[in-house]
Amino acid sequence: QEEAIVVKPKADGRFELVSGHRRKRAALMWDITHLEARFFRRGDEELAISALITNDAREDLTDYERGMAYVALVEAGKRGEGPIKTFDQLAKRMGKSKSLLSMRVALTKLPPYVTAVLDNAPGAVTVNNVAELKKVLDKAHDPDKLVQNLLRVAAGEISMTALTSIMAAQSGTSANGGNKSHQLISLQAGTRVYAQLVQNNEKRKLTINP
């Protein structure tokens, strides 16, 4: 582990991850149970902002991962744990357009069964193809089939445009085309299988053996 993850204590005695989400995801995939961590201390706010700006310049980060980082920093500011309390402030500090930040943040607000895919395959949806995805989300669709096809997009098997055509054809032949309030979705990630239970627009992640 080249760099420690950063955590901060919560009121309930547990810890909240501040930085190192990719390392945490990789650890889960490889059954690594311990990671080196350091505490986020009061006064680290400027360091967190500088780290965000530095990381944002990396080409290997996806739009979804960037959006998650933006949300985490602004939410921390709203809790009084940093100077950045709005996305306007963050955009100015980073020298980025507010519209670009808003589009990336919007990816984190997609339905739970979509963000479940993005948690494991963050490059599946980008600011460049999310408009195509929204064409599907705006219509009646089968979440299971959407997830299956999103994973194909992530694997490079089909484009997002092809996904919209496939979903349109499937919704026309499916008798269960409406939105489902209770849906079990299985995602393959490395050597582990993640099950995503979507119920009443809330999500819980379970880990099961393949």
Protein backbone atom coordinates (compact mmCIF):
# COMPACT_ATOMS: atom_id res chain seq x y z
CA GLN A 1 0.00 0.00 0.00
CA GLU A 2 1.78 3.12 -1.27
CA GLU A 3 -0.36 5.67 0.54
CA ALA A 4 -2.49 5.45 3.67
CA ILE A 5 -6.23 5.95 3.47
CA VAL A 6 -7.60 8.86 5.50
CA VAL A 7 -10.38 8.39 8.05
CA LYS A 8 -12.05 10.50 10.69
CA PRO A 9 -13.97 9.41 13.80
CA LYS A 10 -17.77 9.58 13.92
CA ALA A 11 -19.98 10.20 16.94
CA ASP A 12 -21.06 6.53 17.02
CA GLY A 13 -17.48 5.32 17.49
CA ARG A 14 -17.00 4.21 13.89
CA PHE A 15 -14.87 5.90 11.22
CA GLU A 16 -15.77 7.72 8.01
CA LEU A 17 -13.56 7.33 4.94
CA VAL A 18 -12.28 10.73 3.79
CA SER A 19 -9.82 9.67 1.10
CA GLY A 20 -8.84 6.34 -0.45
CA HIS A 21 -12.10 5.08 -1.93
CA ARG A 22 -10.30 3.32 -4.80
CA ARG A 23 -7.93 1.58 -2.39
CA LYS A 24 -10.88 0.45 -0.29
CA ARG A 25 -12.66 -0.95 -3.36
CA ALA A 26 -9.51 -2.78 -4.48
CA ALA A 27 -9.06 -4.22 -0.98
CA LEU A 28 -12.62 -5.57 -1.02
CA MET A 29 -12.06 -7.21 -4.39
CA TRP A 30 -8.87 -8.92 -3.21
CA ASP A 31 -10.14 -9.91 0.25
CA ILE A 32 -7.65 -7.59 1.97
CA THR A 33 -8.98 -6.96 5.48
CA HIS A 34 -6.48 -4.37 6.77
CA LEU A 35 -5.32 -1.07 5.29
CA GLU A 36 -2.92 1.49 6.70
CA ALA A 37 -4.87 4.60 7.70
CA ARG A 38 -4.26 8.01 9.19
CA PHE A 39 -6.65 10.28 11.04
CA PHE A 40 -8.12 13.38 9.45
CA ARG A 41 -7.36 16.15 11.94
CA ARG A 42 -8.90 19.56 12.39
CA GLY A 43 -6.78 21.84 10.23
CA ASP A 44 -6.48 19.25 7.45
CA GLU A 45 -9.23 20.97 5.45
CA GLU A 46 -6.84 22.87 3.19
CA LEU A 47 -4.83 19.69 2.68
CA ALA A 48 -8.00 17.90 1.60
CA ILE A 49 -8.81 20.64 -0.92
CA SER A 50 -5.27 20.58 -2.31
CA ALA A 51 -5.41 16.78 -2.58
CA LEU A 52 -8.74 17.00 -4.43
CA ILE A 53 -7.33 19.51 -6.93
CA THR A 54 -4.25 17.33 -7.46
CA ASN A 55 -6.27 14.14 -7.87
CA ASP A 56 -8.71 15.84 -10.22
CA ALA A 57 -5.86 16.37 -12.67
CA ARG A 58 -5.30 12.62 -12.95
CA GLU A 59 -6.45 11.17 -16.27
CA ASP A 60 -7.34 7.77 -14.80
CA LEU A 61 -10.11 9.13 -12.56
CA THR A 62 -13.65 8.73 -13.89
CA ASP A 63 -16.36 11.37 -13.85
CA TYR A 64 -18.26 9.40 -11.19
CA GLU A 65 -15.22 9.21 -8.91
CA ARG A 66 -14.63 12.93 -9.32
CA GLY A 67 -18.28 13.63 -8.54
CA MET A 68 -18.09 11.53 -5.38
CA ALA A 69 -15.02 13.50 -4.26
CA TYR A 70 -16.78 16.83 -4.90
CA VAL A 71 -19.82 15.74 -2.89
CA ALA A 72 -17.69 14.50 0.02
CA LEU A 73 -15.80 17.80 0.25
CA VAL A 74 -18.90 19.99 0.10
CA GLU A 75 -20.80 17.82 2.58
CA ALA A 76 -17.85 18.10 4.97
CA GLY A 77 -18.00 21.87 4.61
CA LYS A 78 -21.70 21.90 5.41
CA ARG A 79 -20.93 20.02 8.61
CA GLY A 80 -18.45 22.71 9.59
CA GLU A 81 -15.43 20.59 8.74
CA GLY A 82 -14.07 22.72 5.92
CA PRO A 83 -14.32 26.11 4.19
CA ILE A 84 -16.05 24.84 1.01
CA LYS A 85 -19.81 24.70 1.57
CA THR A 86 -21.21 25.02 -1.98
CA PHE A 87 -20.34 23.70 -5.40
CA ASP A 88 -20.02 27.31 -6.59
CA GLN A 89 -17.22 27.83 -4.08
CA LEU A 90 -15.59 24.55 -5.06
CA ALA A 91 -15.73 25.37 -8.79
CA LYS A 92 -14.05 28.74 -8.20
CA ARG A 93 -11.39 27.19 -5.96
CA MET A 94 -10.62 24.51 -8.54
CA GLY A 95 -10.81 26.82 -11.54
CA LYS A 96 -13.46 24.60 -13.11
CA SER A 97 -16.82 25.51 -14.61
CA LYS A 98 -19.81 25.01 -12.34
CA SER A 99 -21.63 23.19 -15.14
CA LEU A 100 -18.89 20.53 -15.36
CA LEU A 101 -18.94 20.00 -11.59
CA SER A 102 -22.74 19.79 -11.66
CA MET A 103 -22.70 17.15 -14.40
CA ARG A 104 -20.22 15.02 -12.47
CA VAL A 105 -22.13 15.41 -9.22
CA ALA A 106 -25.34 14.44 -11.05
CA LEU A 107 -23.83 11.01 -11.69
CA THR A 108 -23.82 10.39 -7.94
CA LYS A 109 -27.56 11.13 -7.79
CA LEU A 110 -28.62 8.46 -10.30
CA PRO A 111 -30.95 5.68 -9.08
CA PRO A 112 -29.42 3.25 -6.55
CA TYR A 113 -29.28 0.32 -8.96
CA VAL A 114 -27.22 2.49 -11.35
CA THR A 115 -24.82 3.80 -8.70
CA ALA A 116 -24.43 0.17 -7.56
CA VAL A 117 -22.88 -0.51 -10.96
CA LEU A 118 -20.78 2.66 -10.80
CA ASP A 119 -19.44 1.73 -7.37
CA ASN A 120 -17.82 -1.31 -9.03
CA ALA A 121 -17.41 -0.04 -12.62
CA PRO A 122 -17.16 3.77 -12.28
CA GLY A 123 -16.38 4.31 -15.95
CA ALA A 124 -19.66 2.85 -17.21
CA VAL A 125 -21.41 6.24 -17.22
CA THR A 126 -19.70 9.55 -18.01
CA VAL A 127 -20.80 13.15 -18.51
CA ASN A 128 -20.59 12.43 -22.25
CA ASN A 129 -23.03 9.51 -22.31
CA VAL A 130 -25.30 10.14 -19.32
CA ALA A 131 -27.84 11.88 -21.58
CA GLU A 132 -28.33 8.58 -23.42
CA LEU A 133 -28.84 6.79 -20.11
CA LYS A 134 -31.43 9.33 -19.01
CA LYS A 135 -33.47 8.48 -22.10
CA VAL A 136 -33.86 5.01 -20.61
CA LEU A 137 -34.44 6.23 -17.05
CA ASP A 138 -37.19 8.58 -18.21
CA LYS A 139 -39.18 5.62 -19.56
CA ALA A 140 -40.51 2.41 -18.03
CA HIS A 141 -37.66 -0.11 -17.86
CA ASP A 142 -36.51 -3.29 -16.16
CA PRO A 143 -33.72 -2.43 -13.67
CA ASP A 144 -32.22 -5.94 -13.94
CA LYS A 145 -31.83 -5.69 -17.71
CA LEU A 146 -30.51 -2.13 -17.44
CA VAL A 147 -27.81 -3.25 -15.00
CA GLN A 148 -26.83 -6.18 -17.23
CA ASN A 149 -26.44 -3.85 -20.20
CA LEU A 150 -24.60 -1.20 -18.16
CA LEU A 151 -22.04 -3.86 -17.27
CA ARG A 152 -21.67 -4.56 -20.99
CA VAL A 153 -21.03 -0.83 -21.53
CA ALA A 154 -18.41 -0.91 -18.77
CA ALA A 155 -16.73 -3.91 -20.44
CA GLY A 156 -16.65 -2.09 -23.79
CA GLU A 157 -18.96 -4.61 -25.44
CA ILE A 158 -21.62 -2.05 -26.42
CA SER A 159 -21.99 1.73 -26.50
CA MET A 160 -24.47 3.70 -24.43
CA THR A 161 -26.36 4.47 -27.65
CA ALA A 162 -26.66 0.74 -28.30
CA LEU A 163 -27.89 0.29 -24.72
CA THR A 164 -30.77 2.69 -25.32
CA SER A 165 -31.79 0.76 -28.44
CA ILE A 166 -31.56 -2.58 -26.63
CA MET A 167 -33.60 -1.31 -23.69
CA ALA A 168 -36.23 0.16 -25.99
CA ALA A 169 -36.59 -3.20 -27.74
CA GLN A 170 -36.68 -5.12 -24.44
CA SER A 171 -39.23 -2.81 -22.85
CA GLY A 172 -41.46 -3.30 -25.85
CA THR A 173 -41.50 -7.07 -25.41
CA SER A 174 -41.37 -7.31 -21.61
CA ALA A 175 -44.52 -7.68 -19.60
CA ASN A 176 -42.71 -6.40 -16.52
CA GLY A 177 -41.49 -3.11 -17.97
CA GLY A 178 -42.46 -0.81 -15.09
CA ASN A 179 -40.14 0.44 -12.37
CA LYS A 180 -39.69 -2.15 -9.63
CA SER A 181 -39.77 -1.23 -5.97
CA HIS A 182 -38.09 -4.48 -4.95
CA GLN A 183 -35.27 -5.78 -7.10
CA LEU A 184 -32.27 -8.02 -6.50
CA ILE A 185 -29.32 -7.26 -8.74
CA SER A 186 -26.11 -9.32 -8.86
CA LEU A 187 -22.85 -7.74 -9.94
CA GLN A 188 -19.66 -9.63 -10.74
CA ALA A 189 -16.57 -7.78 -9.49
CA GLY A 190 -13.26 -9.61 -9.68
CA THR A 191 -13.50 -12.77 -7.62
CA ARG A 192 -16.40 -11.52 -5.52
CA VAL A 193 -20.10 -11.18 -6.17
CA TYR A 194 -21.95 -8.15 -4.90
CA ALA A 195 -25.70 -8.26 -4.42
CA GLN A 196 -27.57 -5.01 -4.50
CA LEU A 197 -31.00 -4.92 -2.89
CA VAL A 198 -33.04 -1.96 -4.05
CA GLN A 199 -36.16 -1.38 -2.05
CA ASN A 200 -38.16 1.81 -1.56
CA ASN A 201 -35.38 3.72 -3.35
CA GLU A 202 -32.83 2.75 -0.68
CA LYS A 203 -29.86 0.49 -1.17
CA ARG A 204 -27.96 -2.01 0.95
CA LYS A 205 -24.90 -3.88 -0.26
CA LEU A 206 -24.44 -7.54 0.66
CA THR A 207 -21.36 -9.63 -0.02
CA ILE A 208 -21.93 -13.26 -0.94
CA ASN A 209 -19.60 -16.04 -2.08
CA PRO A 210 -19.65 -16.83 -5.82
